[in-house]
């Protein structure tokens, strides 16, 4: 998937280093002391110099002082902007669809959403990224119209990015949490499957799963939107929370062998 999306090994290597160093610095030893560069170097197998370089990138990204291309950029501002545009009543018509907005005129404008989601990226730069991704278009009267619910960079496959951001990463995060947390604090992880379903029933099951999942996710999305804080009151460090639903099929040859 990475090769088909034009991601080179060097880019992948840099992302993995960032992940290893970031996670290592989050952890504390048994005495609750912060992990230092030397200990992270030992744990990750990197040199102290490389760990210090990666930590500097992380700190620059978190403080917003990074110059030039930022390897930690994950399009969170553009993604959040589209979410607000599709859920905040100020930017919806009577049918619940996102309104076409002026760039910066009035209280309900594209620039006002950019300001509400935070960050120090100019509204014009965010607009350019959304144009390039095909998520927004400019109408003849100069208004901006939302075309997509999710922000996907133009050079990446939409299904892959959405899948990793909203399914793979949260799923692995939940597994990691449950491997350490007591049962009373475990995240829900349930799966329904069959290894003997009749082949002629497969199309019916796909439709059933799609319909039921869409109904469930829509109801959860509406509940979350109704219980979110206003953008001005939201805490910057607030955690992301949600529930995911996914469908899978595996041929018999792909199933793990029973021991």
Protein backbone atom coordinates (compact mmCIF):
# COMPACT_ATOMS: atom_id res chain seq x y z
CA UNK A 1 0.00 0.00 0.00
CA UNK A 2 2.85 2.38 0.79
CA UNK A 3 4.57 1.70 -2.54
CA UNK A 4 1.33 2.28 -4.47
CA UNK A 5 0.90 5.59 -2.64
CA UNK A 6 4.37 6.82 -3.53
CA UNK A 7 5.83 6.59 -0.02
CA UNK A 8 9.53 5.75 -0.14
CA UNK A 9 11.47 3.66 2.35
CA UNK A 10 13.27 6.78 3.61
CA UNK A 11 9.94 8.42 4.43
CA UNK A 12 8.70 5.26 6.15
CA UNK A 13 11.96 4.95 8.09
CA UNK A 14 11.66 8.53 9.36
CA UNK A 15 8.07 7.98 10.47
CA UNK A 16 9.01 4.80 12.34
CA UNK A 17 11.88 6.57 14.11
CA UNK A 18 9.52 9.34 15.18
CA UNK A 19 7.07 6.77 16.56
CA UNK A 20 9.72 4.82 18.50
CA UNK A 21 11.34 7.91 20.00
CA UNK A 22 8.04 9.61 20.81
CA UNK A 23 6.69 6.54 22.61
CA UNK A 24 9.94 5.97 24.50
CA UNK A 25 9.97 9.50 25.88
CA UNK A 26 6.36 9.13 27.06
CA UNK A 27 7.21 6.26 29.31
CA UNK A 28 8.73 6.65 32.74
CA UNK A 29 10.83 4.24 34.69
CA UNK A 30 9.68 2.64 37.94
CA UNK A 31 10.83 5.72 39.91
CA UNK A 32 8.61 7.95 37.75
CA UNK A 33 11.58 9.76 36.28
CA UNK A 34 11.45 11.00 32.72
CA UNK A 35 13.33 8.85 30.21
CA UNK A 36 16.48 10.58 28.94
CA UNK A 37 18.25 10.51 25.57
CA UNK A 38 20.73 7.83 26.62
CA UNK A 39 18.04 5.41 27.79
CA UNK A 40 15.97 5.97 24.65
CA UNK A 41 19.08 5.27 22.57
CA UNK A 42 19.56 1.96 24.37
CA UNK A 43 15.90 0.96 24.04
CA UNK A 44 15.53 1.88 20.36
CA UNK A 45 19.00 0.92 19.12
CA UNK A 46 19.58 4.41 17.68
CA UNK A 47 22.55 6.63 18.41
CA UNK A 48 22.22 9.38 21.02
CA UNK A 49 22.74 11.93 18.24
CA UNK A 50 19.87 10.48 16.19
CA UNK A 51 17.55 10.34 19.21
CA UNK A 52 18.33 13.99 19.99
CA UNK A 53 17.58 14.95 16.36
CA UNK A 54 14.25 13.13 16.38
CA UNK A 55 13.30 14.61 19.76
CA UNK A 56 14.04 18.08 18.38
CA UNK A 57 11.66 17.42 15.46
CA UNK A 58 8.94 16.30 17.86
CA UNK A 59 9.36 19.36 20.11
CA UNK A 60 9.34 21.73 17.12
CA UNK A 61 6.17 20.13 15.79
CA UNK A 62 4.39 20.30 19.15
CA UNK A 63 5.40 23.95 19.70
CA UNK A 64 4.54 25.01 16.15
CA UNK A 65 8.05 26.36 15.51
CA UNK A 66 9.02 23.83 12.85
CA UNK A 67 10.34 25.36 9.63
CA UNK A 68 10.03 23.76 6.22
CA UNK A 69 8.42 20.36 5.54
CA UNK A 70 7.25 18.78 8.76
CA UNK A 71 7.48 14.96 8.87
CA UNK A 72 4.95 14.90 11.72
CA UNK A 73 2.25 16.71 9.72
CA UNK A 74 -0.85 14.52 9.65
CA UNK A 75 -3.42 16.93 8.20
CA UNK A 76 -5.25 17.23 11.51
CA UNK A 77 -6.26 20.86 10.95
CA UNK A 78 -7.75 20.23 7.51
CA UNK A 79 -9.47 17.07 8.73
CA UNK A 80 -10.94 18.81 11.77
CA UNK A 81 -12.09 21.72 9.58
CA UNK A 82 -14.11 19.37 7.37
CA UNK A 83 -15.59 17.66 10.43
CA UNK A 84 -16.75 21.00 11.85
CA UNK A 85 -18.09 22.07 8.47
CA UNK A 86 -20.21 18.89 8.30
CA UNK A 87 -21.47 18.86 11.93
CA UNK A 88 -21.60 22.38 13.39
CA UNK A 89 -25.14 23.85 12.98
CA UNK A 90 -23.65 27.26 12.10
CA UNK A 91 -22.32 25.80 8.85
CA UNK A 92 -25.28 23.58 7.91
CA UNK A 93 -28.45 24.25 5.94
CA UNK A 94 -31.94 23.16 7.04
CA UNK A 95 -31.36 19.71 5.52
CA UNK A 96 -28.20 19.24 7.57
CA UNK A 97 -25.88 19.64 4.58
CA UNK A 98 -22.75 21.85 4.70
CA UNK A 99 -23.38 25.39 3.49
CA UNK A 100 -21.30 27.05 0.80
CA UNK A 101 -19.14 29.62 2.59
CA UNK A 102 -17.39 32.84 1.73
CA UNK A 103 -13.65 32.75 2.30
CA UNK A 104 -13.51 35.39 5.05
CA UNK A 105 -16.71 37.48 5.02
CA UNK A 106 -19.07 37.27 7.98
CA UNK A 107 -19.09 35.24 11.16
CA UNK A 108 -19.76 31.92 9.38
CA UNK A 109 -16.95 31.78 6.86
CA UNK A 110 -14.19 29.39 5.82
CA UNK A 111 -11.64 31.50 7.69
CA UNK A 112 -13.77 31.40 10.84
CA UNK A 113 -13.64 27.58 10.83
CA UNK A 114 -9.86 27.69 10.36
CA UNK A 115 -9.59 29.96 13.40
CA UNK A 116 -11.90 27.75 15.45
CA UNK A 117 -9.91 24.56 14.89
CA UNK A 118 -6.69 26.21 16.04
CA UNK A 119 -3.21 26.02 14.65
CA UNK A 120 -1.14 28.77 13.08
CA UNK A 121 -1.53 27.82 9.40
CA UNK A 122 -3.04 30.67 7.30
CA UNK A 123 -6.55 30.08 5.97
CA UNK A 124 -5.26 30.47 2.41
CA UNK A 125 -2.80 27.61 2.88
CA UNK A 126 -5.52 25.35 4.29
CA UNK A 127 -7.77 26.23 1.35
CA UNK A 128 -4.98 25.37 -1.10
CA UNK A 129 -4.48 21.95 0.53
CA UNK A 130 -8.21 21.23 0.38
CA UNK A 131 -8.31 22.29 -3.28
CA UNK A 132 -5.40 19.96 -4.08
CA UNK A 133 -7.12 17.08 -2.30
CA UNK A 134 -10.39 17.63 -4.17
CA UNK A 135 -12.19 18.18 -0.86
CA UNK A 136 -13.35 21.74 -1.64
CA UNK A 137 -14.20 23.65 -4.80
CA UNK A 138 -14.70 27.34 -5.55
CA UNK A 139 -18.04 28.23 -7.10
CA UNK A 140 -18.55 30.92 -9.74
CA UNK A 141 -19.66 33.43 -7.11
CA UNK A 142 -16.46 32.86 -5.09
CA UNK A 143 -18.15 30.75 -2.41
CA UNK A 144 -16.40 27.61 -1.21
CA UNK A 145 -18.25 24.28 -1.33
CA UNK A 146 -17.29 21.14 0.65
CA UNK A 147 -17.06 18.06 -1.57
CA UNK A 148 -15.72 15.51 0.93
CA UNK A 149 -16.27 14.67 4.58
CA UNK A 150 -12.65 13.57 5.09
CA UNK A 151 -9.39 15.24 4.16
CA UNK A 152 -7.17 12.98 2.04
CA UNK A 153 -3.94 14.39 0.54
CA UNK A 154 -4.18 14.36 -3.24
CA UNK A 155 -1.29 11.94 -3.77
CA UNK A 156 -2.60 9.22 -1.45
CA UNK A 157 -5.30 6.62 -1.91
CA UNK A 158 -8.39 7.72 0.03
CA UNK A 159 -9.38 4.25 1.23
CA UNK A 160 -5.90 3.58 2.60
CA UNK A 161 -5.56 6.83 4.53
CA UNK A 162 -9.07 6.70 5.96
CA UNK A 163 -8.52 3.06 6.86
CA UNK A 164 -5.29 3.72 8.73
CA UNK A 165 -6.46 6.86 10.49
CA UNK A 166 -9.91 5.68 11.52
CA UNK A 167 -9.57 1.87 11.73
CA UNK A 168 -6.04 0.47 11.92
CA UNK A 169 -4.51 3.04 14.27
CA UNK A 170 -7.45 3.13 16.75
CA UNK A 171 -7.70 -0.68 16.67
CA UNK A 172 -4.00 -1.12 17.50
CA UNK A 173 -4.21 1.59 20.16
CA UNK A 174 -7.09 -0.29 21.78
CA UNK A 175 -5.19 -3.58 21.68
CA UNK A 176 -2.16 -1.90 23.28
CA UNK A 177 -4.38 -0.41 26.01
CA UNK A 178 -6.10 -3.71 26.77
CA UNK A 179 -2.78 -5.54 26.99
CA UNK A 180 -1.86 -3.37 30.01
CA UNK A 181 -5.11 -2.16 31.56
CA UNK A 182 -7.11 -4.07 34.20
CA UNK A 183 -10.29 -5.71 32.91
CA UNK A 184 -12.41 -3.05 34.60
CA UNK A 185 -10.77 -0.39 32.40
CA UNK A 186 -10.57 -2.38 29.16
CA UNK A 187 -11.88 -0.89 25.90
CA UNK A 188 -14.70 -2.76 24.16
CA UNK A 189 -13.45 -4.98 21.34
CA UNK A 190 -15.99 -7.37 19.88
CA UNK A 191 -16.14 -9.27 16.60
CA UNK A 192 -18.81 -11.46 15.00
CA UNK A 193 -17.65 -13.91 12.35
CA UNK A 194 -18.29 -17.29 10.79
CA UNK A 195 -15.99 -19.81 9.13
CA UNK A 196 -18.87 -21.89 7.74
CA UNK A 197 -21.28 -19.32 6.25
CA UNK A 198 -22.84 -20.55 3.02
CA UNK A 199 -21.18 -18.89 0.01
CA UNK A 200 -24.53 -17.92 -1.51
CA UNK A 201 -25.33 -16.01 1.70
CA UNK A 202 -22.21 -13.82 1.43
CA UNK A 203 -23.83 -11.00 -0.65
CA UNK A 204 -26.74 -10.84 1.80
CA UNK A 205 -24.35 -10.63 4.76
CA UNK A 206 -22.36 -7.82 3.08
CA UNK A 207 -25.56 -5.81 2.64
CA UNK A 208 -26.73 -6.56 6.19
CA UNK A 209 -23.37 -5.59 7.68
CA UNK A 210 -23.21 -2.38 5.64
CA UNK A 211 -26.75 -1.29 6.54
CA UNK A 212 -26.48 -2.09 10.26
CA UNK A 213 -23.02 -0.55 10.54
CA UNK A 214 -24.12 2.65 8.79
CA UNK A 215 -27.10 3.01 11.13
CA UNK A 216 -24.97 2.44 14.23
CA UNK A 217 -22.12 4.76 13.21
CA UNK A 218 -24.56 7.50 12.21
CA UNK A 219 -26.30 7.32 15.60
CA UNK A 220 -22.95 7.48 17.44
CA UNK A 221 -21.78 10.38 15.27
CA UNK A 222 -24.94 12.33 16.07
CA UNK A 223 -24.55 11.66 19.81
CA UNK A 224 -20.90 12.79 19.76
CA UNK A 225 -21.78 15.97 17.88
CA UNK A 226 -24.55 16.78 20.37
CA UNK A 227 -22.22 16.34 23.36
CA UNK A 228 -19.07 18.07 22.10
CA UNK A 229 -17.79 21.25 23.70
CA UNK A 230 -17.83 24.44 21.67
CA UNK A 231 -14.65 25.06 19.73
CA UNK A 232 -13.73 28.01 21.96
CA UNK A 233 -14.14 25.97 25.16
CA UNK A 234 -12.52 22.72 24.01
CA UNK A 235 -9.33 21.74 25.77
CA UNK A 236 -6.38 21.48 23.39
CA UNK A 237 -5.09 18.28 24.98
CA UNK A 238 -8.46 16.52 24.95
CA UNK A 239 -8.26 12.91 23.79
CA UNK A 240 -9.87 11.60 20.62
CA UNK A 241 -12.64 9.09 21.35
CA UNK A 242 -14.82 6.96 19.15
CA UNK A 243 -16.13 3.55 18.12
CA UNK A 244 -15.16 1.79 14.90
CA UNK A 245 -16.94 -0.80 12.77
CA UNK A 246 -15.33 -2.70 9.91
CA UNK A 247 -16.11 -5.59 7.57
CA UNK A 248 -13.64 -8.31 6.58
CA UNK A 249 -13.37 -11.38 4.38
CA UNK A 250 -10.56 -13.90 4.30
CA UNK A 251 -10.12 -16.83 1.98
CA UNK A 252 -9.50 -20.15 3.67
CA UNK A 253 -5.83 -20.04 2.60
CA UNK A 254 -5.39 -16.71 4.44
CA UNK A 255 -6.73 -17.93 7.78
CA UNK A 256 -4.20 -18.69 10.55
CA UNK A 257 -3.48 -22.38 10.89
CA UNK A 258 -4.83 -24.15 13.95
CA UNK A 259 -2.18 -25.73 16.18
